[in-house]
Amino acid sequence: MKKERKAKRIGRGYGSGKGGHTVGRGQKGQKARRNIHILFEGVKVKKSLLRRLPLQRGKDRFRPGSKPLIVNLELLELLKDGSKVNAETLAKAGIVKLEDARVFGVKILGNGETKKKFTVEVAISNSAAKKIEKAGGKVINA
């Protein structure tokens, strides 16, 4: 049966098994000192993580509501004739996710054709509004 050894308590004197002057950290340099910054990568500068990332000063890429989810007119053919078009009905049809639609909003663009009569309650482009009204539908400005 092997005898279990106690863990080395680093930096607690010579008697601790790993102690004394530099305590396994080498000599001098940032890593030998107390607090190392989370993005510290040593000496390499040219290919460091911070250099590889694009400059995004002042840009909040994930701000809610910055750009709406785009739904083309041809996808509305999945809905029943005469139905209301809003975030809930689009989510039930599987066109958008309801959580995303509530955060970012939905906008209908005029790519495609439709022959069904819809009542649109979300943001819509001018060309899509003309096509829906031509088919006998209604656009309610939301």
Protein backbone atom coordinates (compact mmCIF):
# COMPACT_ATOMS: atom_id res chain seq x y z
CA MET A 1 0.00 0.00 0.00
CA LYS A 2 1.40 3.36 -1.07
CA LYS A 3 1.70 6.15 1.38
CA GLU A 4 -0.20 9.25 0.24
CA ARG A 5 1.80 12.43 0.09
CA LYS A 6 0.60 15.79 1.23
CA ALA A 7 0.10 18.42 -1.48
CA LYS A 8 2.90 20.91 -1.90
CA ARG A 9 1.92 24.26 -0.48
CA ILE A 10 3.64 26.59 -2.88
CA GLY A 11 5.21 29.71 -1.44
CA ARG A 12 5.03 28.69 2.21
CA GLY A 13 8.74 28.42 2.96
CA TYR A 14 11.44 25.86 2.18
CA GLY A 15 9.91 23.17 4.35
CA SER A 16 6.73 23.02 2.28
CA GLY A 17 8.43 21.08 -0.52
CA LYS A 18 8.14 23.84 -3.07
CA GLY A 19 9.05 27.04 -1.44
CA GLY A 20 11.62 29.65 -0.99
CA HIS A 21 12.82 32.41 -3.21
CA THR A 22 10.95 32.24 -6.57
CA VAL A 23 8.50 29.42 -5.76
CA GLY A 24 8.41 27.86 -9.22
CA ARG A 25 7.57 31.08 -11.04
CA GLY A 26 10.96 31.76 -12.57
CA GLN A 27 12.67 35.10 -12.15
CA LYS A 28 11.14 38.51 -12.72
CA GLY A 29 8.60 39.26 -15.44
CA GLN A 30 4.86 39.71 -15.26
CA LYS A 31 4.10 36.06 -14.57
CA ALA A 32 6.37 36.09 -11.53
CA ARG A 33 4.36 38.86 -9.96
CA ARG A 34 1.00 38.80 -8.24
CA ASN A 35 -1.82 39.72 -10.65
CA ILE A 36 -1.75 38.68 -14.29
CA HIS A 37 -4.26 40.40 -16.56
CA ILE A 38 -6.79 38.05 -18.10
CA LEU A 39 -5.61 38.90 -21.64
CA PHE A 40 -1.90 38.57 -20.89
CA GLU A 41 -0.16 36.62 -23.68
CA GLY A 42 3.47 37.16 -22.86
CA VAL A 43 5.82 38.82 -25.33
CA LYS A 44 4.03 37.98 -28.59
CA VAL A 45 2.54 41.15 -30.05
CA LYS A 46 2.07 40.63 -33.79
CA LYS A 47 -0.44 37.75 -33.60
CA SER A 48 -1.98 38.40 -30.20
CA LEU A 49 -5.71 37.97 -29.71
CA LEU A 50 -6.33 41.67 -29.29
CA ARG A 51 -4.53 42.46 -32.54
CA ARG A 52 -6.56 39.84 -34.41
CA LEU A 53 -9.91 41.23 -33.29
CA PRO A 54 -11.40 44.03 -35.38
CA LEU A 55 -11.67 47.49 -33.89
CA GLN A 56 -15.26 47.81 -32.73
CA ARG A 57 -15.14 51.01 -30.73
CA GLY A 58 -18.57 52.31 -29.84
CA LYS A 59 -20.41 49.56 -31.68
CA ASP A 60 -22.87 47.49 -29.75
CA ARG A 61 -23.34 44.52 -32.06
CA PHE A 62 -26.01 42.77 -30.05
CA ARG A 63 -28.23 45.69 -29.15
CA PRO A 64 -31.85 44.53 -29.10
CA GLY A 65 -33.96 46.00 -31.86
CA SER A 66 -31.05 47.15 -33.99
CA LYS A 67 -32.20 45.27 -37.14
CA PRO A 68 -35.51 43.47 -37.59
CA LEU A 69 -35.90 39.88 -38.75
CA ILE A 70 -36.62 39.85 -42.47
CA VAL A 71 -39.48 37.75 -43.88
CA ASN A 72 -40.03 37.68 -47.63
CA LEU A 73 -43.53 37.83 -49.06
CA GLU A 74 -43.23 34.35 -50.58
CA LEU A 75 -42.95 32.82 -47.08
CA LEU A 76 -46.39 34.17 -46.16
CA GLU A 77 -47.88 31.55 -48.47
CA LEU A 78 -47.42 29.11 -45.55
CA LEU A 79 -50.18 30.96 -43.66
CA LYS A 80 -53.92 30.47 -44.17
CA ASP A 81 -55.89 32.81 -46.42
CA GLY A 82 -57.36 35.76 -44.49
CA SER A 83 -55.12 35.35 -41.44
CA LYS A 84 -53.45 38.13 -39.45
CA VAL A 85 -49.71 38.49 -39.91
CA ASN A 86 -47.96 39.29 -36.63
CA ALA A 87 -45.08 37.86 -34.62
CA GLU A 88 -47.23 35.17 -33.00
CA THR A 89 -48.70 33.79 -36.26
CA LEU A 90 -45.29 33.83 -37.95
CA ALA A 91 -43.83 31.90 -34.99
CA LYS A 92 -46.66 29.31 -35.08
CA ALA A 93 -45.98 28.74 -38.77
CA GLY A 94 -42.27 28.21 -37.99
CA ILE A 95 -41.09 31.19 -40.03
CA VAL A 96 -39.45 33.05 -37.12
CA LYS A 97 -38.69 32.34 -33.45
CA LEU A 98 -41.04 34.18 -31.13
CA GLU A 99 -38.30 35.28 -28.70
CA ASP A 100 -36.24 36.77 -31.53
CA ALA A 101 -39.28 38.44 -33.06
CA ARG A 102 -40.12 40.12 -29.76
CA VAL A 103 -36.55 41.37 -29.27
CA PHE A 104 -35.66 42.42 -32.82
CA GLY A 105 -39.05 42.89 -34.49
CA VAL A 106 -40.19 41.58 -37.88
CA LYS A 107 -40.27 43.29 -41.28
CA ILE A 108 -41.90 41.92 -44.41
CA LEU A 109 -40.14 42.57 -47.72
CA GLY A 110 -41.65 42.31 -51.18
CA ASN A 111 -39.63 39.41 -52.59
CA GLY A 112 -42.12 37.00 -54.18
CA GLU A 113 -45.84 37.02 -54.93
CA THR A 114 -48.98 36.28 -52.94
CA LYS A 115 -52.59 35.66 -53.88
CA LYS A 116 -53.92 35.32 -50.33
CA LYS A 117 -55.62 38.10 -48.38
CA PHE A 118 -53.65 38.99 -45.27
CA THR A 119 -54.06 41.58 -42.53
CA VAL A 120 -50.50 42.69 -41.80
CA GLU A 121 -49.74 44.09 -38.32
CA VAL A 122 -45.93 44.23 -38.50
CA ALA A 123 -43.49 46.54 -40.29
CA ILE A 124 -43.65 46.15 -44.06
CA SER A 125 -41.87 47.59 -47.09
CA ASN A 126 -43.74 49.67 -49.67
CA SER A 127 -43.43 47.06 -52.41
CA ALA A 128 -44.77 44.30 -50.16
CA ALA A 129 -47.66 46.52 -49.02
CA LYS A 130 -48.66 47.19 -52.65
CA LYS A 131 -48.62 43.46 -53.47
CA ILE A 132 -50.73 42.56 -50.42
CA GLU A 133 -53.27 45.33 -51.13
CA LYS A 134 -53.40 44.22 -54.78
CA ALA A 135 -54.31 40.71 -53.59
CA GLY A 136 -57.11 42.18 -51.46
CA GLY A 137 -55.36 42.28 -48.08
CA LYS A 138 -54.98 45.10 -45.55
CA VAL A 139 -51.93 46.75 -44.01
CA ILE A 140 -52.25 48.14 -40.50
CA ASN A 141 -49.25 50.31 -39.60
CA ALA A 142 -47.77 48.92 -36.41
